[in-house]
Amino acid sequence: MDTSQTLLTGYGAWNPLLWVVAFAVVLVVALLIRSRGRKDYREDSGLKPFISGNEEPAAGGSHIPASNMYWGFLESLKGYYARLVPLHTGVPTDYVAWVLGVMAVMVLVTLAG
């Protein structure tokens, strides 16, 4: 394969050089947007953030527990989680065993197909 054609063919979307260029473009755009902000703002000025006319909640007052936030998702998958939660031991070696087991099944399915 001709190395001069790697930008056009070769690696496709995973070409690292293209990702670096894309990152640089996004960074420049972000810095341009940031540069349009107020230059005279100081954190110790005593100004409060504008939250649609509402007072800013006390520290921790805006925290939404995951049980409320994902209620519909957890409720719809209750049967799945009822079987999955008892398997959660918190021991890292158990997770490694699960990953290796799933990888072994994937290899067997791949080789069988």
N, C-alpha and C. Protein backbone atom coordinates (compact mmCIF):
# COMPACT_ATOMS: atom_id res chain seq x y z
N MET A 1 0.84 -1.19 0.00
CA MET A 1 0.00 0.00 0.00
C MET A 1 0.88 1.24 0.00
N ASP A 2 0.50 2.19 -0.81
CA ASP A 2 1.25 3.43 -0.91
C ASP A 2 0.97 4.30 0.32
N THR A 3 2.02 4.70 1.04
CA THR A 3 1.85 5.47 2.28
C THR A 3 1.38 6.89 2.01
N SER A 4 1.49 7.39 0.79
CA SER A 4 1.04 8.75 0.51
C SER A 4 -0.49 8.82 0.44
N GLN A 5 -1.15 7.70 0.34
CA GLN A 5 -2.61 7.66 0.24
C GLN A 5 -3.30 7.37 1.56
N THR A 6 -2.57 7.33 2.68
CA THR A 6 -3.18 6.94 3.96
C THR A 6 -4.21 7.94 4.45
N LEU A 7 -4.08 9.23 4.07
CA LEU A 7 -5.08 10.20 4.49
C LEU A 7 -6.41 9.99 3.78
N LEU A 8 -6.38 9.50 2.56
CA LEU A 8 -7.61 9.35 1.79
C LEU A 8 -8.21 7.96 1.92
N THR A 9 -7.40 6.95 2.07
CA THR A 9 -7.94 5.59 2.17
C THR A 9 -7.43 4.97 3.46
N GLY A 10 -6.61 4.00 3.42
CA GLY A 10 -5.94 3.41 4.56
C GLY A 10 -6.76 3.24 5.81
N TYR A 11 -6.75 4.26 6.70
CA TYR A 11 -7.37 4.13 8.01
C TYR A 11 -8.80 4.65 8.07
N GLY A 12 -9.24 5.37 7.08
CA GLY A 12 -10.60 5.90 7.10
C GLY A 12 -10.81 6.89 8.21
N ALA A 13 -11.91 6.72 8.97
CA ALA A 13 -12.27 7.67 10.03
C ALA A 13 -11.36 7.56 11.24
N TRP A 14 -10.57 6.52 11.34
CA TRP A 14 -9.73 6.33 12.52
C TRP A 14 -8.32 6.86 12.33
N ASN A 15 -8.10 7.64 11.30
CA ASN A 15 -6.79 8.21 11.06
C ASN A 15 -6.47 9.21 12.18
N PRO A 16 -5.42 8.98 12.97
CA PRO A 16 -5.12 9.85 14.10
C PRO A 16 -4.84 11.30 13.69
N LEU A 17 -4.24 11.51 12.54
CA LEU A 17 -3.93 12.86 12.09
C LEU A 17 -5.22 13.66 11.85
N LEU A 18 -6.22 13.02 11.28
CA LEU A 18 -7.50 13.70 11.07
C LEU A 18 -8.17 14.04 12.39
N TRP A 19 -8.06 13.17 13.39
CA TRP A 19 -8.65 13.44 14.70
C TRP A 19 -7.94 14.61 15.39
N VAL A 20 -6.64 14.72 15.23
CA VAL A 20 -5.90 15.84 15.83
C VAL A 20 -6.33 17.15 15.17
N VAL A 21 -6.48 17.13 13.86
CA VAL A 21 -6.92 18.33 13.14
C VAL A 21 -8.34 18.71 13.58
N ALA A 22 -9.24 17.72 13.68
CA ALA A 22 -10.61 17.99 14.12
C ALA A 22 -10.63 18.55 15.54
N PHE A 23 -9.81 18.02 16.43
CA PHE A 23 -9.72 18.51 17.79
C PHE A 23 -9.24 19.95 17.82
N ALA A 24 -8.25 20.27 16.98
CA ALA A 24 -7.71 21.63 16.93
C ALA A 24 -8.79 22.60 16.44
N VAL A 25 -9.58 22.20 15.45
CA VAL A 25 -10.64 23.06 14.93
C VAL A 25 -11.69 23.31 16.01
N VAL A 26 -12.09 22.26 16.72
CA VAL A 26 -13.09 22.41 17.80
C VAL A 26 -12.53 23.30 18.91
N LEU A 27 -11.26 23.15 19.24
CA LEU A 27 -10.63 23.97 20.27
C LEU A 27 -10.63 25.44 19.87
N VAL A 28 -10.31 25.73 18.62
CA VAL A 28 -10.29 27.11 18.14
C VAL A 28 -11.69 27.72 18.20
N VAL A 29 -12.71 26.95 17.79
CA VAL A 29 -14.09 27.44 17.84
C VAL A 29 -14.49 27.71 19.29
N ALA A 30 -14.15 26.80 20.20
CA ALA A 30 -14.49 26.99 21.62
C ALA A 30 -13.80 28.23 22.18
N LEU A 31 -12.56 28.44 21.84
CA LEU A 31 -11.84 29.63 22.32
C LEU A 31 -12.43 30.91 21.74
N LEU A 32 -12.88 30.87 20.50
CA LEU A 32 -13.53 32.04 19.91
C LEU A 32 -14.83 32.37 20.63
N ILE A 33 -15.61 31.35 20.94
CA ILE A 33 -16.86 31.58 21.67
C ILE A 33 -16.56 32.13 23.05
N ARG A 34 -15.56 31.57 23.73
CA ARG A 34 -15.19 32.02 25.07
C ARG A 34 -14.68 33.46 25.05
N SER A 35 -13.96 33.84 24.01
CA SER A 35 -13.39 35.18 23.95
C SER A 35 -14.46 36.26 23.81
N ARG A 36 -15.67 35.89 23.42
CA ARG A 36 -16.75 36.87 23.28
C ARG A 36 -17.45 37.15 24.60
N GLY A 37 -17.03 36.51 25.69
CA GLY A 37 -17.64 36.72 27.00
C GLY A 37 -17.26 38.06 27.60
N ARG A 38 -17.86 38.37 28.75
CA ARG A 38 -17.59 39.65 29.42
C ARG A 38 -16.20 39.65 30.01
N LYS A 39 -15.46 40.67 29.72
CA LYS A 39 -14.08 40.77 30.22
C LYS A 39 -14.03 41.42 31.61
N ASP A 40 -15.11 42.13 31.98
CA ASP A 40 -15.10 42.87 33.24
C ASP A 40 -15.66 42.07 34.42
N TYR A 41 -16.01 40.80 34.21
CA TYR A 41 -16.60 40.01 35.29
C TYR A 41 -15.52 39.57 36.28
N ARG A 42 -15.85 39.71 37.57
CA ARG A 42 -14.96 39.22 38.64
C ARG A 42 -15.78 38.32 39.53
N GLU A 43 -15.21 37.23 40.02
CA GLU A 43 -15.95 36.28 40.85
C GLU A 43 -16.34 36.89 42.19
N ASP A 44 -15.55 37.82 42.69
CA ASP A 44 -15.86 38.40 44.00
C ASP A 44 -16.75 39.65 43.88
N SER A 45 -17.43 39.81 42.76
CA SER A 45 -18.26 40.99 42.55
C SER A 45 -19.60 40.90 43.28
N GLY A 46 -19.99 39.74 43.77
CA GLY A 46 -21.25 39.58 44.48
C GLY A 46 -22.44 39.35 43.57
N LEU A 47 -22.22 39.27 42.26
CA LEU A 47 -23.32 39.01 41.34
C LEU A 47 -23.74 37.55 41.44
N LYS A 48 -25.06 37.33 41.34
CA LYS A 48 -25.59 35.98 41.38
C LYS A 48 -25.90 35.52 39.97
N PRO A 49 -25.83 34.20 39.72
CA PRO A 49 -26.19 33.71 38.39
C PRO A 49 -27.68 33.88 38.14
N PHE A 50 -28.07 34.13 36.90
CA PHE A 50 -29.49 34.27 36.56
C PHE A 50 -30.02 32.90 36.18
N ILE A 51 -30.97 32.41 36.96
CA ILE A 51 -31.57 31.09 36.71
C ILE A 51 -33.06 31.31 36.45
N SER A 52 -33.38 31.92 35.33
CA SER A 52 -34.76 32.19 34.93
C SER A 52 -35.55 32.92 36.00
N GLY A 53 -34.93 33.78 36.77
CA GLY A 53 -35.61 34.55 37.78
C GLY A 53 -35.78 33.84 39.11
N ASN A 54 -35.35 32.58 39.21
CA ASN A 54 -35.46 31.82 40.46
C ASN A 54 -34.21 32.01 41.29
N GLU A 55 -34.37 31.90 42.60
CA GLU A 55 -33.21 31.97 43.48
C GLU A 55 -32.34 30.72 43.30
N GLU A 56 -31.05 30.90 43.46
CA GLU A 56 -30.14 29.75 43.37
C GLU A 56 -30.37 28.86 44.60
N PRO A 57 -30.54 27.53 44.40
CA PRO A 57 -30.76 26.65 45.54
C PRO A 57 -29.52 26.57 46.42
N ALA A 58 -29.76 26.23 47.70
CA ALA A 58 -28.64 26.08 48.64
C ALA A 58 -27.74 24.94 48.17
N ALA A 59 -26.55 24.89 48.74
CA ALA A 59 -25.59 23.85 48.36
C ALA A 59 -26.24 22.48 48.52
N GLY A 60 -26.21 21.69 47.48
CA GLY A 60 -26.82 20.37 47.52
C GLY A 60 -28.31 20.38 47.25
N GLY A 61 -28.93 21.55 47.18
CA GLY A 61 -30.36 21.64 46.96
C GLY A 61 -30.78 21.29 45.54
N SER A 62 -29.86 21.36 44.61
CA SER A 62 -30.20 21.05 43.24
C SER A 62 -29.84 19.61 42.87
N HIS A 63 -29.41 18.84 43.84
CA HIS A 63 -29.04 17.45 43.58
C HIS A 63 -30.29 16.61 43.35
N ILE A 64 -30.32 15.87 42.25
CA ILE A 64 -31.44 14.97 41.96
C ILE A 64 -30.92 13.55 42.10
N PRO A 65 -31.48 12.76 43.04
CA PRO A 65 -31.00 11.40 43.21
C PRO A 65 -31.27 10.56 41.96
N ALA A 66 -30.41 9.61 41.69
CA ALA A 66 -30.56 8.76 40.51
C ALA A 66 -31.84 7.95 40.58
N SER A 67 -32.31 7.64 41.78
CA SER A 67 -33.54 6.87 41.88
C SER A 67 -34.72 7.65 41.31
N ASN A 68 -34.71 8.96 41.41
CA ASN A 68 -35.76 9.78 40.83
C ASN A 68 -35.52 10.02 39.34
N MET A 69 -34.27 10.26 39.01
CA MET A 69 -33.93 10.64 37.65
C MET A 69 -34.16 9.51 36.66
N TYR A 70 -33.88 8.28 37.06
CA TYR A 70 -33.98 7.13 36.17
C TYR A 70 -35.14 6.22 36.55
N TRP A 71 -36.17 6.76 37.21
CA TRP A 71 -37.25 5.93 37.71
C TRP A 71 -37.90 5.12 36.59
N GLY A 72 -38.27 5.74 35.49
CA GLY A 72 -38.93 5.04 34.39
C GLY A 72 -38.06 3.96 33.79
N PHE A 73 -36.80 4.27 33.64
CA PHE A 73 -35.85 3.29 33.09
C PHE A 73 -35.73 2.09 34.01
N LEU A 74 -35.54 2.35 35.31
CA LEU A 74 -35.38 1.25 36.26
C LEU A 74 -36.68 0.46 36.42
N GLU A 75 -37.81 1.13 36.37
CA GLU A 75 -39.10 0.45 36.52
C GLU A 75 -39.36 -0.47 35.33
N SER A 76 -39.02 -0.03 34.13
CA SER A 76 -39.27 -0.85 32.94
C SER A 76 -38.35 -2.05 32.88
N LEU A 77 -37.18 -1.95 33.48
CA LEU A 77 -36.23 -3.08 33.47
C LEU A 77 -36.13 -3.74 34.84
N LYS A 78 -37.19 -3.68 35.63
CA LYS A 78 -37.18 -4.23 36.98
C LYS A 78 -36.84 -5.72 36.99
N GLY A 79 -37.40 -6.48 36.07
CA GLY A 79 -37.13 -7.92 36.01
C GLY A 79 -35.66 -8.23 35.74
N TYR A 80 -35.05 -7.43 34.87
CA TYR A 80 -33.63 -7.61 34.55
C TYR A 80 -32.76 -7.28 35.76
N TYR A 81 -33.05 -6.15 36.40
CA TYR A 81 -32.24 -5.75 37.55
C TYR A 81 -32.44 -6.65 38.76
N ALA A 82 -33.62 -7.25 38.90
CA ALA A 82 -33.87 -8.16 40.02
C ALA A 82 -32.93 -9.36 39.96
N ARG A 83 -32.58 -9.79 38.74
CA ARG A 83 -31.64 -10.91 38.60
C ARG A 83 -30.18 -10.44 38.59
N LEU A 84 -29.94 -9.22 38.17
CA LEU A 84 -28.57 -8.72 38.03
C LEU A 84 -27.97 -8.23 39.34
N VAL A 85 -28.76 -7.57 40.18
CA VAL A 85 -28.25 -6.96 41.41
C VAL A 85 -27.62 -7.99 42.35
N PRO A 86 -28.19 -9.19 42.55
CA PRO A 86 -27.54 -10.16 43.43
C PRO A 86 -26.16 -10.61 42.93
N LEU A 87 -25.90 -10.49 41.63
CA LEU A 87 -24.60 -10.87 41.09
C LEU A 87 -23.53 -9.81 41.35
N HIS A 88 -23.95 -8.62 41.74
CA HIS A 88 -23.02 -7.52 41.99
C HIS A 88 -22.40 -7.68 43.38
N THR A 89 -21.14 -8.11 43.38
CA THR A 89 -20.45 -8.37 44.66
C THR A 89 -19.54 -7.23 45.07
N GLY A 90 -19.05 -6.47 44.11
CA GLY A 90 -18.12 -5.40 44.43
C GLY A 90 -16.67 -5.85 44.47
N VAL A 91 -16.43 -7.12 44.19
CA VAL A 91 -15.07 -7.67 44.21
C VAL A 91 -14.50 -7.59 42.78
N PRO A 92 -13.39 -6.87 42.58
CA PRO A 92 -12.85 -6.70 41.22
C PRO A 92 -12.55 -8.00 40.49
N THR A 93 -12.10 -9.02 41.21
CA THR A 93 -11.79 -10.28 40.53
C THR A 93 -13.04 -10.93 39.95
N ASP A 94 -14.19 -10.70 40.57
CA ASP A 94 -15.43 -11.22 40.01
C ASP A 94 -15.74 -10.57 38.66
N TYR A 95 -15.48 -9.27 38.57
CA TYR A 95 -15.72 -8.57 37.31
C TYR A 95 -14.75 -9.04 36.22
N VAL A 96 -13.53 -9.28 36.59
CA VAL A 96 -12.56 -9.80 35.62
C VAL A 96 -13.01 -11.17 35.13
N ALA A 97 -13.51 -11.99 36.04
CA ALA A 97 -14.00 -13.32 35.64
C ALA A 97 -15.18 -13.20 34.67
N TRP A 98 -16.10 -12.24 34.93
CA TRP A 98 -17.22 -12.04 34.03
C TRP A 98 -16.74 -11.58 32.65
N VAL A 99 -15.79 -10.65 32.62
CA VAL A 99 -15.27 -10.15 31.34
C VAL A 99 -14.62 -11.29 30.56
N LEU A 100 -13.79 -12.08 31.23
CA LEU A 100 -13.15 -13.20 30.56
C LEU A 100 -14.17 -14.22 30.08
N GLY A 101 -15.20 -14.47 30.87
CA GLY A 101 -16.24 -15.41 30.46
C GLY A 101 -16.99 -14.94 29.24
N VAL A 102 -17.35 -13.66 29.23
CA VAL A 102 -18.07 -13.11 28.08
C VAL A 102 -17.17 -13.12 26.84
N MET A 103 -15.89 -12.81 27.03
CA MET A 103 -14.95 -12.85 25.89
C MET A 103 -14.83 -14.26 25.35
N ALA A 104 -14.79 -15.26 26.24
CA ALA A 104 -14.69 -16.66 25.79
C ALA A 104 -15.91 -17.05 24.98
N VAL A 105 -17.09 -16.65 25.45
CA VAL A 105 -18.33 -16.95 24.69
C VAL A 105 -18.29 -16.26 23.34
N MET A 106 -17.82 -15.01 23.30
CA MET A 106 -17.74 -14.28 22.03
C MET A 106 -16.78 -14.96 21.05
N VAL A 107 -15.65 -15.44 21.55
CA VAL A 107 -14.70 -16.14 20.70
C VAL A 107 -15.32 -17.43 20.16
N LEU A 108 -16.03 -18.16 21.01
CA LEU A 108 -16.65 -19.40 20.57
C LEU A 108 -17.73 -19.13 19.52
N VAL A 109 -18.53 -18.10 19.71
CA VAL A 109 -19.55 -17.76 18.74
C VAL A 109 -18.92 -17.32 17.42
N THR A 110 -17.84 -16.55 17.51
CA THR A 110 -17.15 -16.09 16.31
C THR A 110 -16.54 -17.25 15.54
N LEU A 111 -15.92 -18.16 16.24
CA LEU A 111 -15.31 -19.31 15.57
C LEU A 111 -16.35 -20.27 15.02
N ALA A 112 -17.49 -20.38 15.65
CA ALA A 112 -18.54 -21.28 15.20
C ALA A 112 -19.25 -20.75 13.95
N GLY A 113 -19.24 -19.40 13.80
CA GLY A 113 -19.97 -18.77 12.68
C GLY A 113 -19.19 -18.69 11.46
